[in-house]
Amino acid sequence: MNSQRDIKTTGERIVYVKPVAVADLPAELRDQIGDVAMIYAVHAENGEQLALVASRGLAFALARQHDMVPVTVH
């Protein structure tokens, strides 16, 4: 189904989900994460980081629980 919607008129808030290499994080976060190579960041439309989570599925579930529309960023 291809359709266009004006997101602003529906009241939906988009958040962006992107993979983050644990090696690129500050040392204090790497120490807390443990033996994982990749985690996922959830960002607001303005770029503000809202959360870091263990999996893409968890990022999407978290966004939906907060009435947000998750979109994957590569």
Protein backbone atom coordinates (compact mmCIF):
# COMPACT_ATOMS: atom_id res chain seq x y z
CA MET A 1 0.00 0.00 0.00
CA ASN A 2 1.44 3.35 -1.03
CA SER A 3 -0.15 6.37 0.53
CA GLN A 4 0.98 9.74 1.79
CA ARG A 5 0.00 11.16 5.15
CA ASP A 6 0.81 14.38 6.87
CA ILE A 7 2.40 13.09 10.08
CA LYS A 8 1.88 16.39 11.88
CA THR A 9 -1.88 16.29 11.38
CA THR A 10 -2.12 12.75 12.77
CA GLY A 11 -0.31 13.70 15.97
CA GLU A 12 2.27 10.96 15.49
CA ARG A 13 5.82 11.58 16.62
CA ILE A 14 8.61 9.95 14.66
CA VAL A 15 11.71 8.60 16.36
CA TYR A 16 14.76 7.29 14.58
CA VAL A 17 16.38 3.96 15.46
CA LYS A 18 19.98 3.39 14.47
CA PRO A 19 22.63 0.80 15.23
CA VAL A 20 25.58 1.97 17.33
CA ALA A 21 28.89 0.14 17.63
CA VAL A 22 29.66 -0.30 21.33
CA ALA A 23 33.34 0.40 20.53
CA ASP A 24 32.32 3.96 19.54
CA LEU A 25 30.76 4.71 22.94
CA PRO A 26 32.51 6.36 25.91
CA ALA A 27 34.39 3.98 28.21
CA GLU A 28 31.90 4.31 31.10
CA LEU A 29 29.07 3.11 28.84
CA ARG A 30 31.15 0.30 27.32
CA ASP A 31 31.86 -0.99 30.83
CA GLN A 32 28.13 -1.07 31.66
CA ILE A 33 27.13 -2.80 28.41
CA GLY A 34 29.42 -5.77 28.67
CA ASP A 35 30.26 -8.20 25.89
CA VAL A 36 28.03 -6.88 23.10
CA ALA A 37 29.29 -5.43 19.80
CA MET A 38 26.17 -3.51 18.71
CA ILE A 39 23.32 -1.71 20.47
CA TYR A 40 20.56 0.59 19.19
CA ALA A 41 19.96 4.28 19.81
CA VAL A 42 16.55 5.94 19.69
CA HIS A 43 16.61 9.60 18.63
CA ALA A 44 13.95 12.31 18.52
CA GLU A 45 13.32 14.24 15.31
CA ASN A 46 15.62 17.01 16.54
CA GLY A 47 18.48 14.53 16.98
CA GLU A 48 18.26 14.24 20.76
CA GLN A 49 19.19 10.77 21.95
CA LEU A 50 16.31 9.34 23.95
CA ALA A 51 17.53 5.83 24.73
CA LEU A 52 20.15 3.14 24.17
CA VAL A 53 18.80 -0.40 24.09
CA ALA A 54 20.08 -3.90 23.46
CA SER A 55 18.16 -4.75 20.28
CA ARG A 56 16.32 -3.24 17.32
CA GLY A 57 13.13 -5.02 18.39
CA LEU A 58 13.35 -3.52 21.86
CA ALA A 59 13.90 -0.04 20.36
CA PHE A 60 10.76 -0.39 18.24
CA ALA A 61 8.72 -1.73 21.16
CA LEU A 62 9.89 1.09 23.41
CA ALA A 63 8.93 3.70 20.82
CA ARG A 64 5.49 2.21 20.26
CA GLN A 65 4.81 1.97 24.01
CA HIS A 66 5.35 5.73 24.13
CA ASP A 67 3.04 6.41 21.17
CA MET A 68 5.91 7.12 18.79
CA VAL A 69 6.50 5.87 15.27
CA PRO A 70 9.93 4.24 14.93
CA VAL A 71 11.89 4.54 11.68
CA THR A 72 15.17 2.76 10.95
CA VAL A 73 18.20 4.89 10.07
CA HIS A 74 21.17 3.27 8.33
